[in-house]
PDB file of N, CA and C in Angstrom:
ATOM      1  N   MET A   1       9.089  43.117 157.009  1.00  0.00           N
ATOM      2  CA  MET A   1       7.614  43.254 157.749  1.00  0.00           C
ATOM      3  C   MET A   1       7.344  43.942 156.482  1.00  0.00           C
ATOM      4  N   LYS A   2       7.231  44.885 155.842  1.00  0.00           N
ATOM      5  CA  LYS A   2       6.815  45.728 154.900  1.00  0.00           C
ATOM      6  C   LYS A   2       6.789  44.874 153.464  1.00  0.00           C
ATOM      7  N   VAL A   3       7.459  43.964 153.282  1.00  0.00           N
ATOM      8  CA  VAL A   3       7.298  42.951 152.095  1.00  0.00           C
ATOM      9  C   VAL A   3       6.564  42.270 152.297  1.00  0.00           C
ATOM     10  N   ILE A   4       6.126  41.506 153.463  1.00  0.00           N
ATOM     11  CA  ILE A   4       5.236  40.789 154.020  1.00  0.00           C
ATOM     12  C   ILE A   4       3.461  41.240 153.600  1.00  0.00           C
ATOM     13  N   GLN A   5       3.505  42.364 154.248  1.00  0.00           N
ATOM     14  CA  GLN A   5       2.695  43.063 153.828  1.00  0.00           C
ATOM     15  C   GLN A   5       2.216  43.444 152.659  1.00  0.00           C
ATOM     16  N   ALA A   6       3.143  43.818 152.024  1.00  0.00           N
ATOM     17  CA  ALA A   6       2.955  44.031 150.284  1.00  0.00           C
ATOM     18  C   ALA A   6       2.471  42.733 149.902  1.00  0.00           C
ATOM     19  N   VAL A   7       3.170  41.574 149.974  1.00  0.00           N
ATOM     20  CA  VAL A   7       2.508  40.511 149.366  1.00  0.00           C
ATOM     21  C   VAL A   7       1.209  39.869 149.910  1.00  0.00           C
ATOM     22  N   VAL A   8       1.156  40.108 151.035  1.00  0.00           N
ATOM     23  CA  VAL A   8      -0.298  40.336 151.608  1.00  0.00           C
ATOM     24  C   VAL A   8      -1.380  40.562 150.600  1.00  0.00           C
ATOM     25  N   CYS A   9      -0.975  42.091 150.828  1.00  0.00           N
ATOM     26  CA  CYS A   9      -1.847  43.200 150.228  1.00  0.00           C
ATOM     27  C   CYS A   9      -2.048  42.554 148.654  1.00  0.00           C
ATOM     28  N   SER A  10      -1.091  42.159 147.779  1.00  0.00           N
ATOM     29  CA  SER A  10      -0.881  41.869 146.736  1.00  0.00           C
ATOM     30  C   SER A  10      -2.186  40.481 146.074  1.00  0.00           C
ATOM     31  N   VAL A  11      -1.878  39.507 147.233  1.00  0.00           N
ATOM     32  CA  VAL A  11      -2.641  38.368 147.120  1.00  0.00           C
ATOM     33  C   VAL A  11      -4.467  38.806 147.306  1.00  0.00           C
ATOM     34  N   VAL A  12      -4.462  39.468 148.226  1.00  0.00           N
ATOM     35  CA  VAL A  12      -5.800  39.693 148.657  1.00  0.00           C
ATOM     36  C   VAL A  12      -6.431  40.688 147.370  1.00  0.00           C
ATOM     37  N   LEU A  13      -5.907  41.683 146.569  1.00  0.00           N
ATOM     38  CA  LEU A  13      -6.114  42.549 145.716  1.00  0.00           C
ATOM     39  C   LEU A  13      -6.146  41.532 144.553  1.00  0.00           C
ATOM     40  N   CYS A  14      -5.531  40.574 144.249  1.00  0.00           N
ATOM     41  CA  CYS A  14      -5.351  39.914 143.105  1.00  0.00           C
ATOM     42  C   CYS A  14      -6.985  39.020 143.176  1.00  0.00           C
ATOM     43  N   SER A  15      -6.504  38.425 144.605  1.00  0.00           N
ATOM     44  CA  SER A  15      -7.992  37.319 144.858  1.00  0.00           C
ATOM     45  C   SER A  15      -9.363  38.412 144.270  1.00  0.00           C
ATOM     46  N   VAL A  16      -9.363  39.751 144.728  1.00  0.00           N
ATOM     47  CA  VAL A  16     -10.685  40.177 144.173  1.00  0.00           C
ATOM     48  C   VAL A  16     -10.684  40.688 143.169  1.00  0.00           C
ATOM     49  N   MET A  17      -9.776  41.109 142.355  1.00  0.00           N
ATOM     50  CA  MET A  17      -9.471  41.428 141.085  1.00  0.00           C
ATOM     51  C   MET A  17      -9.630  40.433 140.135  1.00  0.00           C
ATOM     52  N   SER A  18      -9.082  39.139 140.333  1.00  0.00           N
ATOM     53  CA  SER A  18      -9.294  37.798 139.131  1.00  0.00           C
ATOM     54  C   SER A  18      -9.396  36.831 140.080  1.00  0.00           C
ATOM     55  N   PRO A  19     -10.504  36.135 140.173  1.00  0.00           N
ATOM     56  CA  PRO A  19     -10.725  34.707 140.865  1.00  0.00           C
ATOM     57  C   PRO A  19     -10.163  33.447 140.037  1.00  0.00           C
ATOM     58  N   THR A  20      -9.264  33.923 139.224  1.00  0.00           N
ATOM     59  CA  THR A  20      -8.506  32.588 138.938  1.00  0.00           C
ATOM     60  C   THR A  20      -6.838  32.328 139.316  1.00  0.00           C
ATOM     61  N   VAL A  21      -6.510  33.657 140.040  1.00  0.00           N
ATOM     62  CA  VAL A  21      -5.439  33.383 140.890  1.00  0.00           C
ATOM     63  C   VAL A  21      -5.442  32.841 141.880  1.00  0.00           C
ATOM     64  N   SER A  22      -4.811  31.756 142.489  1.00  0.00           N
ATOM     65  CA  SER A  22      -5.354  30.683 143.375  1.00  0.00           C
ATOM     66  C   SER A  22      -3.932  30.508 144.380  1.00  0.00           C
ATOM     67  N   VAL A  23      -3.081  30.535 143.891  1.00  0.00           N
ATOM     68  CA  VAL A  23      -1.984  30.068 144.709  1.00  0.00           C
ATOM     69  C   VAL A  23      -0.648  31.393 144.370  1.00  0.00           C
ATOM     70  N   LEU A  24      -0.262  32.033 145.408  1.00  0.00           N
ATOM     71  CA  LEU A  24       0.827  32.691 145.182  1.00  0.00           C
ATOM     72  C   LEU A  24       2.277  31.988 145.688  1.00  0.00           C
ATOM     73  N   ALA A  25       3.239  31.411 144.417  1.00  0.00           N
ATOM     74  CA  ALA A  25       4.072  30.590 145.034  1.00  0.00           C
ATOM     75  C   ALA A  25       5.413  31.655 145.484  1.00  0.00           C
ATOM     76  N   GLN A  26       6.141  31.453 146.565  1.00  0.00           N
ATOM     77  CA  GLN A  26       7.111  31.794 147.093  1.00  0.00           C
ATOM     78  C   GLN A  26       8.136  30.959 147.534  1.00  0.00           C
ATOM     79  N   PRO A  27       9.385  31.380 147.257  1.00  0.00           N
ATOM     80  CA  PRO A  27      10.683  30.763 147.625  1.00  0.00           C
ATOM     81  C   PRO A  27      10.266  29.836 149.732  1.00  0.00           C
ATOM     82  N   SER A  28      10.461  29.064 149.474  1.00  0.00           N
ATOM     83  CA  SER A  28      10.524  28.393 150.940  1.00  0.00           C
ATOM     84  C   SER A  28      11.892  28.642 151.522  1.00  0.00           C
ATOM     85  N   SER A  29      11.929  28.107 152.599  1.00  0.00           N
ATOM     86  CA  SER A  29      13.417  28.685 153.461  1.00  0.00           C
ATOM     87  C   SER A  29      14.249  27.854 153.220  1.00  0.00           C
ATOM     88  N   SER A  30      13.837  26.931 152.649  1.00  0.00           N
ATOM     89  CA  SER A  30      14.789  25.572 151.877  1.00  0.00           C
ATOM     90  C   SER A  30      15.173  25.825 150.760  1.00  0.00           C
ATOM     91  N   GLY A  31      14.800  27.218 149.937  1.00  0.00           N
ATOM     92  CA  GLY A  31      14.935  27.266 148.729  1.00  0.00           C
ATOM     93  C   GLY A  31      14.328  26.912 147.843  1.00  0.00           C
ATOM     94  N   ALA A  32      13.375  25.345 147.829  1.00  0.00           N
ATOM     95  CA  ALA A  32      12.598  25.078 146.865  1.00  0.00           C
ATOM     96  C   ALA A  32      11.458  25.955 146.713  1.00  0.00           C
ATOM     97  N   GLU A  33      10.699  25.879 145.747  1.00  0.00           N
ATOM     98  CA  GLU A  33       9.256  26.293 145.175  1.00  0.00           C
ATOM     99  C   GLU A  33       8.305  25.868 145.583  1.00  0.00           C
ATOM    100  N   ALA A  34       7.162  26.479 146.210  1.00  0.00           N
ATOM    101  CA  ALA A  34       5.959  26.061 146.558  1.00  0.00           C
ATOM    102  C   ALA A  34       5.143  25.250 144.639  1.00  0.00           C
ATOM    103  N   SER A  35       4.269  24.643 145.297  1.00  0.00           N
ATOM    104  CA  SER A  35       4.100  24.149 143.569  1.00  0.00           C
ATOM    105  C   SER A  35       2.363  24.746 143.724  1.00  0.00           C
ATOM    106  N   ALA A  36       1.623  24.877 143.020  1.00  0.00           N
ATOM    107  CA  ALA A  36       0.253  25.345 142.686  1.00  0.00           C
ATOM    108  C   ALA A  36      -0.087  23.884 142.740  1.00  0.00           C
ATOM    109  N   PRO A  37      -1.513  24.043 143.297  1.00  0.00           N
ATOM    110  CA  PRO A  37      -2.652  23.052 143.688  1.00  0.00           C
ATOM    111  C   PRO A  37      -2.597  21.923 142.074  1.00  0.00           C
ATOM    112  N   THR A  38      -2.345  20.662 141.899  1.00  0.00           N
ATOM    113  CA  THR A  38      -2.747  20.181 140.900  1.00  0.00           C
ATOM    114  C   THR A  38      -3.931  19.847 140.349  1.00  0.00           C
ATOM    115  N   THR A  39      -5.145  19.746 141.461  1.00  0.00           N
ATOM    116  CA  THR A  39      -6.814  19.501 141.138  1.00  0.00           C
ATOM    117  C   THR A  39      -7.254  20.437 140.703  1.00  0.00           C
ATOM    118  N   THR A  40      -7.451  20.019 139.357  1.00  0.00           N
ATOM    119  CA  THR A  40      -8.568  21.070 138.484  1.00  0.00           C
ATOM    120  C   THR A  40      -9.766  21.006 138.248  1.00  0.00           C
ATOM    121  N   ALA A  41     -10.418  21.980 137.844  1.00  0.00           N
ATOM    122  CA  ALA A  41     -12.380  21.568 138.002  1.00  0.00           C
ATOM    123  C   ALA A  41     -11.757  20.666 136.735  1.00  0.00           C
ATOM    124  N   SER A  42     -11.430  20.326 135.675  1.00  0.00           N
ATOM    125  CA  SER A  42     -11.451  19.229 134.630  1.00  0.00           C
ATOM    126  C   SER A  42     -11.282  17.637 135.384  1.00  0.00           C
ATOM    127  N   ASP A  43     -10.302  17.934 136.664  1.00  0.00           N
ATOM    128  CA  ASP A  43     -10.054  16.592 137.302  1.00  0.00           C
ATOM    129  C   ASP A  43     -10.921  16.135 138.226  1.00  0.00           C
ATOM    130  N   ALA A  44     -11.708  16.957 138.616  1.00  0.00           N
ATOM    131  CA  ALA A  44     -13.024  17.166 139.714  1.00  0.00           C
ATOM    132  C   ALA A  44     -14.353  16.647 138.827  1.00  0.00           C
ATOM    133  N   LYS A  45     -14.312  16.796 137.630  1.00  0.00           N
ATOM    134  CA  LYS A  45     -15.182  16.523 136.942  1.00  0.00           C
ATOM    135  C   LYS A  45     -15.331  15.307 136.527  1.00  0.00           C
ATOM    136  N   ALA A  46     -13.716  14.480 136.078  1.00  0.00           N
ATOM    137  CA  ALA A  46     -13.779  13.339 135.839  1.00  0.00           C
ATOM    138  C   ALA A  46     -13.640  12.445 136.843  1.00  0.00           C
ATOM    139  N   ALA A  47     -13.130  12.804 138.244  1.00  0.00           N
ATOM    140  CA  ALA A  47     -13.861  11.867 139.382  1.00  0.00           C
ATOM    141  C   ALA A  47     -14.937  11.952 139.571  1.00  0.00           C
ATOM    142  N   LYS A  48     -15.682  12.907 139.555  1.00  0.00           N
ATOM    143  CA  LYS A  48     -17.078  12.833 139.516  1.00  0.00           C
ATOM    144  C   LYS A  48     -18.031  11.872 138.853  1.00  0.00           C
ATOM    145  N   ALA A  49     -17.636  11.801 137.650  1.00  0.00           N
ATOM    146  CA  ALA A  49     -17.906  11.292 136.329  1.00  0.00           C
ATOM    147  C   ALA A  49     -17.478   9.537 136.761  1.00  0.00           C
ATOM    148  N   ALA A  50     -16.490   9.347 137.003  1.00  0.00           N
ATOM    149  CA  ALA A  50     -15.642   8.026 137.294  1.00  0.00           C
ATOM    150  C   ALA A  50     -16.889   7.603 138.930  1.00  0.00           C
ATOM    151  N   ASN A  51     -16.853   7.850 139.862  1.00  0.00           N
ATOM    152  CA  ASN A  51     -17.614   7.758 140.702  1.00  0.00           C
ATOM    153  C   ASN A  51     -19.208   7.542 140.514  1.00  0.00           C
ATOM    154  N   LYS A  52     -19.701   8.344 139.520  1.00  0.00           N
ATOM    155  CA  LYS A  52     -21.253   8.157 139.360  1.00  0.00           C
ATOM    156  C   LYS A  52     -21.333   6.823 138.216  1.00  0.00           C
ATOM    157  N   ALA A  53     -19.883   6.432 137.358  1.00  0.00           N
ATOM    158  CA  ALA A  53     -20.290   5.407 136.742  1.00  0.00           C
ATOM    159  C   ALA A  53     -20.063   3.984 137.559  1.00  0.00           C
ATOM    160  N   LEU A  54     -19.200   3.928 138.278  1.00  0.00           N
ATOM    161  CA  LEU A  54     -18.946   3.183 139.308  1.00  0.00           C
ATOM    162  C   LEU A  54     -20.298   2.891 140.218  1.00  0.00           C
ATOM    163  N   ARG A  55     -20.979   3.576 140.415  1.00  0.00           N
ATOM    164  CA  ARG A  55     -22.254   3.645 141.287  1.00  0.00           C
ATOM    165  C   ARG A  55     -23.183   2.996 140.413  1.00  0.00           C
ATOM    166  N   LYS A  56     -23.358   3.121 139.378  1.00  0.00           N
ATOM    167  CA  LYS A  56     -23.905   2.571 138.172  1.00  0.00           C
ATOM    168  C   LYS A  56     -23.616   1.145 137.771  1.00  0.00           C
ATOM    169  N   ALA A  57     -22.301   0.889 137.724  1.00  0.00           N
ATOM    170  CA  ALA A  57     -21.757  -0.669 137.592  1.00  0.00           C
ATOM    171  C   ALA A  57     -22.274  -1.378 138.736  1.00  0.00           C
ATOM    172  N   VAL A  58     -22.501  -0.945 139.620  1.00  0.00           N
ATOM    173  CA  VAL A  58     -22.819  -1.804 141.151  1.00  0.00           C
ATOM    174  C   VAL A  58     -24.148  -1.718 141.212  1.00  0.00           C
ATOM    175  N   ILE A  59     -24.766  -0.813 140.980  1.00  0.00           N
ATOM    176  CA  ILE A  59     -26.495  -0.873 141.127  1.00  0.00           C
ATOM    177  C   ILE A  59     -26.860  -1.980 139.762  1.00  0.00           C
ATOM    178  N   ARG A  60     -26.014  -2.050 138.709  1.00  0.00           N
ATOM    179  CA  ARG A  60     -26.634  -2.523 137.639  1.00  0.00           C
ATOM    180  C   ARG A  60     -26.533  -4.306 138.378  1.00  0.00           C
ATOM    181  N   GLN A  61     -25.166  -3.864 138.394  1.00  0.00           N
ATOM    182  CA  GLN A  61     -24.780  -5.317 138.938  1.00  0.00           C
ATOM    183  C   GLN A  61     -25.681  -6.103 139.962  1.00  0.00           C
ATOM    184  N   LEU A  62     -26.139  -5.523 141.009  1.00  0.00           N
ATOM    185  CA  LEU A  62     -27.123  -6.430 142.065  1.00  0.00           C
ATOM    186  C   LEU A  62     -28.310  -6.039 141.515  1.00  0.00           C
ATOM    187  N   SER A  63     -28.709  -5.492 140.577  1.00  0.00           N
ATOM    188  CA  SER A  63     -29.800  -5.466 140.488  1.00  0.00           C
ATOM    189  C   SER A  63     -30.186  -6.900 139.279  1.00  0.00           C
ATOM    190  N   ARG A  64     -28.998  -7.435 138.678  1.00  0.00           N
ATOM    191  CA  ARG A  64     -29.177  -8.755 138.143  1.00  0.00           C
ATOM    192  C   ARG A  64     -28.790 -10.090 138.931  1.00  0.00           C
ATOM    193  N   THR A  65     -28.568  -9.460 140.231  1.00  0.00           N
ATOM    194  CA  THR A  65     -28.463 -10.693 140.865  1.00  0.00           C
ATOM    195  C   THR A  65     -29.863 -11.554 141.068  1.00  0.00           C
ATOM    196  N   PRO A  66     -29.972 -12.614 141.029  1.00  0.00           N
ATOM    197  CA  PRO A  66     -30.707 -13.536 141.352  1.00  0.00           C
ATOM    198  C   PRO A  66     -31.347 -13.725 143.039  1.00  0.00           C
ATOM    199  N   GLY A  67     -32.553 -13.329 143.310  1.00  0.00           N
ATOM    200  CA  GLY A  67     -32.604 -13.557 145.080  1.00  0.00           C
ATOM    201  C   GLY A  67     -32.521 -12.561 145.716  1.00  0.00           C
ATOM    202  N   LEU A  68     -31.804 -11.361 145.370  1.00  0.00           N
ATOM    203  CA  LEU A  68     -31.216 -10.198 145.920  1.00  0.00           C
ATOM    204  C   LEU A  68     -32.179  -9.039 145.872  1.00  0.00           C
ATOM    205  N   ASP A  69     -32.774  -8.560 146.921  1.00  0.00           N
ATOM    206  CA  ASP A  69     -33.937  -7.704 146.852  1.00  0.00           C
ATOM    207  C   ASP A  69     -33.165  -6.272 147.241  1.00  0.00           C
ATOM    208  N   VAL A  70     -33.133  -5.386 146.057  1.00  0.00           N
ATOM    209  CA  VAL A  70     -31.967  -4.240 145.988  1.00  0.00           C
ATOM    210  C   VAL A  70     -32.944  -3.362 146.165  1.00  0.00           C
ATOM    211  N   GLY A  71     -34.664  -3.432 146.382  1.00  0.00           N
ATOM    212  CA  GLY A  71     -35.359  -2.293 146.865  1.00  0.00           C
ATOM    213  C   GLY A  71     -35.211  -1.300 148.197  1.00  0.00           C
ATOM    214  N   GLY A  72     -34.293  -2.202 148.919  1.00  0.00           N
ATOM    215  CA  GLY A  72     -33.694  -0.818 149.859  1.00  0.00           C
ATOM    216  C   GLY A  72     -32.226  -0.728 150.192  1.00  0.00           C
ATOM    217  N   ILE A  73     -31.491  -1.091 149.125  1.00  0.00           N
ATOM    218  CA  ILE A  73     -30.414  -1.123 149.096  1.00  0.00           C
ATOM    219  C   ILE A  73     -29.864   0.470 148.264  1.00  0.00           C
ATOM    220  N   ASN A  74     -28.885   1.195 148.967  1.00  0.00           N
ATOM    221  CA  ASN A  74     -28.348   2.476 148.179  1.00  0.00           C
ATOM    222  C   ASN A  74     -26.870   2.622 147.824  1.00  0.00           C
ATOM    223  N   VAL A  75     -26.471   2.835 147.262  1.00  0.00           N
ATOM    224  CA  VAL A  75     -25.033   2.799 146.566  1.00  0.00           C
ATOM    225  C   VAL A  75     -24.209   4.014 146.553  1.00  0.00           C
ATOM    226  N   ILE A  76     -22.921   4.153 147.490  1.00  0.00           N
ATOM    227  CA  ILE A  76     -22.227   5.564 147.410  1.00  0.00           C
ATOM    228  C   ILE A  76     -20.995   5.008 146.676  1.00  0.00           C
ATOM    229  N   ALA A  77     -20.170   5.452 145.736  1.00  0.00           N
ATOM    230  CA  ALA A  77     -18.848   5.219 145.530  1.00  0.00           C
ATOM    231  C   ALA A  77     -18.064   6.740 145.352  1.00  0.00           C
ATOM    232  N   LYS A  78     -17.060   6.141 145.654  1.00  0.00           N
ATOM    233  CA  LYS A  78     -15.772   7.270 146.013  1.00  0.00           C
ATOM    234  C   LYS A  78     -14.607   6.757 145.978  1.00  0.00           C
ATOM    235  N   THR A  79     -13.909   7.140 144.303  1.00  0.00           N
ATOM    236  CA  THR A  79     -12.725   6.539 144.031  1.00  0.00           C
ATOM    237  C   THR A  79     -12.304   5.029 144.577  1.00  0.00           C
ATOM    238  N   GLY A  80     -12.912   4.603 144.098  1.00  0.00           N
ATOM    239  CA  GLY A  80     -13.216   2.941 143.940  1.00  0.00           C
ATOM    240  C   GLY A  80     -13.244   2.598 145.481  1.00  0.00           C
ATOM    241  N   VAL A  81     -13.903   3.305 146.353  1.00  0.00           N
ATOM    242  CA  VAL A  81     -14.783   2.634 147.660  1.00  0.00           C
ATOM    243  C   VAL A  81     -15.927   2.873 147.685  1.00  0.00           C
ATOM    244  N   VAL A  82     -16.729   1.429 147.496  1.00  0.00           N
ATOM    245  CA  VAL A  82     -18.382   1.270 147.832  1.00  0.00           C
ATOM    246  C   VAL A  82     -19.088   0.876 148.920  1.00  0.00           C
ATOM    247  N   THR A  83     -19.696   2.275 149.273  1.00  0.00           N
ATOM    248  CA  THR A  83     -20.356   2.315 150.697  1.00  0.00           C
ATOM    249  C   THR A  83     -21.741   1.253 150.278  1.00  0.00           C
ATOM    250  N   LEU A  84     -22.397   0.476 150.497  1.00  0.00           N
ATOM    251  CA  LEU A  84     -23.745  -0.250 150.602  1.00  0.00           C
ATOM    252  C   LEU A  84     -24.447   0.295 151.661  1.00  0.00           C
ATOM    253  N   LEU A  85     -25.482   0.768 151.636  1.00  0.00           N
ATOM    254  CA  LEU A  85     -26.308   1.541 152.769  1.00  0.00           C
ATOM    255  C   LEU A  85     -27.601   1.039 152.708  1.00  0.00           C
ATOM    256  N   GLY A  86     -28.413   0.549 153.593  1.00  0.00           N
ATOM    257  CA  GLY A  86     -29.937   0.208 153.815  1.00  0.00           C
ATOM    258  C   GLY A  86     -29.976  -0.962 154.279  1.00  0.00           C
ATOM    259  N   VAL A  87     -31.387  -1.568 153.884  1.00  0.00           N
ATOM    260  CA  VAL A  87     -31.933  -2.640 154.186  1.00  0.00           C
ATOM    261  C   VAL A  87     -31.998  -3.649 153.307  1.00  0.00           C
ATOM    262  N   VAL A  88     -32.034  -4.694 154.027  1.00  0.00           N
ATOM    263  CA  VAL A  88     -32.464  -6.159 153.204  1.00  0.00           C
ATOM    264  C   VAL A  88     -33.361  -7.202 153.881  1.00  0.00           C
ATOM    265  N   PRO A  89     -34.052  -8.213 153.458  1.00  0.00           N
ATOM    266  CA  PRO A  89     -35.066  -8.761 154.366  1.00  0.00           C
ATOM    267  C   PRO A  89     -34.078  -9.917 155.296  1.00  0.00           C
ATOM    268  N   ASP A  90     -32.816 -10.506 154.880  1.00  0.00           N
ATOM    269  CA  ASP A  90     -32.585 -11.480 155.331  1.00  0.00           C
ATOM    270  C   ASP A  90     -30.894 -11.267 155.112  1.00  0.00           C
ATOM    271  N   THR A  91     -30.134 -12.044 156.345  1.00  0.00           N
ATOM    272  CA  THR A  91     -28.364 -11.431 156.475  1.00  0.00           C
ATOM    273  C   THR A  91     -28.387 -12.398 155.430  1.00  0.00           C
ATOM    274  N   ARG A  92     -28.474 -13.289 154.678  1.00  0.00           N
ATOM    275  CA  ARG A  92     -27.810 -13.926 153.221  1.00  0.00           C
ATOM    276  C   ARG A  92     -27.540 -12.768 152.596  1.00  0.00           C
ATOM    277  N   GLN A  93     -28.500 -11.829 152.418  1.00  0.00           N
ATOM    278  CA  GLN A  93     -28.189 -11.011 151.343  1.00  0.00           C
ATOM    279  C   GLN A  93     -27.483  -9.770 151.460  1.00  0.00           C
ATOM    280  N   ILE A  94     -27.611  -9.711 152.843  1.00  0.00           N
ATOM    281  CA  ILE A  94     -26.324  -9.016 153.427  1.00  0.00           C
ATOM    282  C   ILE A  94     -24.812  -9.108 152.695  1.00  0.00           C
ATOM    283  N   GLU A  95     -24.483 -10.606 152.717  1.00  0.00           N
ATOM    284  CA  GLU A  95     -23.304 -10.702 152.584  1.00  0.00           C
ATOM    285  C   GLU A  95     -22.750 -11.166 150.550  1.00  0.00           C
ATOM    286  N   LEU A  96     -24.295 -11.352 150.223  1.00  0.00           N
ATOM    287  CA  LEU A  96     -24.282 -11.536 148.986  1.00  0.00           C
ATOM    288  C   LEU A  96     -24.067  -9.991 148.156  1.00  0.00           C
ATOM    289  N   ALA A  97     -24.929  -9.242 148.714  1.00  0.00           N
ATOM    290  CA  ALA A  97     -24.341  -7.637 148.216  1.00  0.00           C
ATOM    291  C   ALA A  97     -23.111  -7.256 148.609  1.00  0.00           C
ATOM    292  N   GLY A  98     -22.212  -8.005 149.364  1.00  0.00           N
ATOM    293  CA  GLY A  98     -20.888  -7.367 149.387  1.00  0.00           C
ATOM    294  C   GLY A  98     -20.139  -7.982 148.699  1.00  0.00           C
ATOM    295  N   GLN A  99     -20.321  -9.202 148.267  1.00  0.00           N
ATOM    296  CA  GLN A  99     -19.594 -10.306 147.333  1.00  0.00           C
ATOM    297  C   GLN A  99     -19.817  -9.788 145.676  1.00  0.00           C
ATOM    298  N   ILE A 100     -21.498  -9.222 145.409  1.00  0.00           N
ATOM    299  CA  ILE A 100     -21.225  -8.827 144.303  1.00  0.00           C
ATOM    300  C   ILE A 100     -20.881  -7.499 144.063  1.00  0.00           C
ATOM    301  N   ALA A 101     -20.797  -6.877 145.114  1.00  0.00           N
ATOM    302  CA  ALA A 101     -20.184  -5.496 144.887  1.00  0.00           C
ATOM    303  C   ALA A 101     -18.585  -5.524 144.351  1.00  0.00           C
ATOM    304  N   GLN A 102     -18.220  -6.544 145.725  1.00  0.00           N
ATOM    305  CA  GLN A 102     -16.622  -6.450 145.237  1.00  0.00           C
ATOM    306  C   GLN A 102     -16.000  -6.671 144.086  1.00  0.00           C
ATOM    307  N   GLU A 103     -16.875  -7.729 143.160  1.00  0.00           N
ATOM    308  CA  GLU A 103     -16.445  -8.351 142.274  1.00  0.00           C
ATOM    309  C   GLU A 103     -16.449  -7.239 140.554  1.00  0.00           C
ATOM    310  N   VAL A 104     -17.286  -6.072 141.091  1.00  0.00           N
ATOM    311  CA  VAL A 104     -17.523  -5.087 140.028  1.00  0.00           C
ATOM    312  C   VAL A 104     -16.102  -4.427 139.886  1.00  0.00           C
ATOM    313  N   ARG A 105     -15.940  -4.438 138.181  1.00  0.00           N
ATOM    314  CA  ARG A 105     -14.810  -3.809 138.148  1.00  0.00           C
ATOM    315  C   ARG A 105     -14.551  -2.178 138.497  1.00  0.00           C
ATOM    316  N   GLY A 106     -13.236  -1.991 138.876  1.00  0.00           N
ATOM    317  CA  GLY A 106     -12.925  -0.596 139.311  1.00  0.00           C
ATOM    318  C   GLY A 106     -13.372  -0.629 141.099  1.00  0.00           C
ATOM    319  N   VAL A 107     -13.817  -1.743 141.436  1.00  0.00           N
ATOM    320  CA  VAL A 107     -13.776  -1.309 143.080  1.00  0.00           C
ATOM    321  C   VAL A 107     -12.893  -2.035 143.734  1.00  0.00           C
ATOM    322  N   THR A 108     -12.409  -1.007 144.413  1.00  0.00           N
ATOM    323  CA  THR A 108     -11.209  -1.476 145.267  1.00  0.00           C
ATOM    324  C   THR A 108     -11.348  -1.714 146.979  1.00  0.00           C
ATOM    325  N   GLU A 109     -12.858  -1.227 147.252  1.00  0.00           N
ATOM    326  CA  GLU A 109     -13.301  -1.569 148.602  1.00  0.00           C
ATOM    327  C   GLU A 109     -14.748  -1.728 148.647  1.00  0.00           C
ATOM    328  N   VAL A 110     -15.080  -2.515 149.946  1.00  0.00           N
ATOM    329  CA  VAL A 110     -16.931  -2.401 149.880  1.00  0.00           C
ATOM    330  C   VAL A 110     -16.827  -2.441 151.302  1.00  0.00           C
ATOM    331  N   ARG A 111     -17.463  -1.407 151.581  1.00  0.00           N
ATOM    332  CA  ARG A 111     -18.098  -0.833 152.821  1.00  0.00           C
ATOM    333  C   ARG A 111     -19.406  -1.027 153.114  1.00  0.00           C
ATOM    334  N   ASN A 112     -19.764  -2.320 153.665  1.00  0.00           N
ATOM    335  CA  ASN A 112     -21.173  -2.817 153.560  1.00  0.00           C
ATOM    336  C   ASN A 112     -22.053  -2.792 154.762  1.00  0.00           C
ATOM    337  N   THR A 113     -22.691  -1.675 155.151  1.00  0.00           N
ATOM    338  CA  THR A 113     -23.451  -1.352 155.996  1.00  0.00           C
ATOM    339  C   THR A 113     -24.736  -1.357 156.129  1.00  0.00           C
ATOM    340  N   LEU A 114     -25.246  -2.512 155.193  1.00  0.00           N
ATOM    341  CA  LEU A 114     -26.515  -2.997 155.028  1.00  0.00           C
ATOM    342  C   LEU A 114     -27.062  -3.647 156.520  1.00  0.00           C
ATOM    343  N   THR A 115     -28.206  -3.475 156.917  1.00  0.00           N
ATOM    344  CA  THR A 115     -28.864  -3.892 158.149  1.00  0.00           C
ATOM    345  C   THR A 115     -29.904  -5.029 157.648  1.00  0.00           C
ATOM    346  N   LEU A 116     -30.722  -5.247 158.614  1.00  0.00           N
ATOM    347  CA  LEU A 116     -31.305  -6.125 158.595  1.00  0.00           C
ATOM    348  C   LEU A 116     -32.899  -5.842 158.598  1.00  0.00           C
ATOM    349  N   GLN A 117     -33.839  -6.122 157.506  1.00  0.00           N
ATOM    350  CA  GLN A 117     -35.131  -5.305 158.038  1.00  0.00           C
ATOM    351  C   GLN A 117     -35.714  -5.717 159.132  1.00  0.00           C
ATOM    352  N   THR A 118     -36.488  -4.729 159.633  1.00  0.00           N
ATOM    353  CA  THR A 118     -37.344  -5.290 160.618  1.00  0.00           C
ATOM    354  C   THR A 118     -38.995  -4.299 160.670  1.00  0.00           C
ATOM    355  N   ASN A 119     -39.736  -4.686 161.170  1.00  0.00           N
ATOM    356  CA  ASN A 119     -41.502  -4.463 161.264  1.00  0.00           C
ATOM    357  C   ASN A 119     -41.634  -4.001 159.603  1.00  0.00           C
ATOM    358  N   GLY A 120     -41.599  -4.697 158.775  1.00  0.00           N
ATOM    359  CA  GLY A 120     -41.885  -4.309 157.557  1.00  0.00           C
ATOM    360  C   GLY A 120     -40.999  -3.351 156.718  1.00  0.00           C
ATOM    361  N   ARG A 121     -40.358  -2.369 157.300  1.00  0.00           N
ATOM    362  CA  ARG A 121     -39.025  -1.865 156.701  1.00  0.00           C
ATOM    363  C   ARG A 121     -38.488  -1.400 157.477  1.00  0.00           C
TER     364      ARG A 121
END
């Protein structure tokens, strides 16, 4: 019990004194060691940049599509999954936007939640 209290105190003290300490690796009951988280700040930045680039690529492709009104369309991209949100003036454009988004390189899935525009917007 004293060992556990000492470890907890050490973790708390280390966390307060050094914010870079994030995980205390201890042997598990099976003898295997716990591993530190593999996600780093640079990984998070890279993922955010990739999401932003994919979003821009989808928007660019939608904007270049003749007959598609992109004024009411919003795009969210996260790890290859693209979500289309907003409104369009006719049902044909809902399908068209989904098809165009799926063709963009890097898109693994399209979640098309576009709806039909009513009462002027």
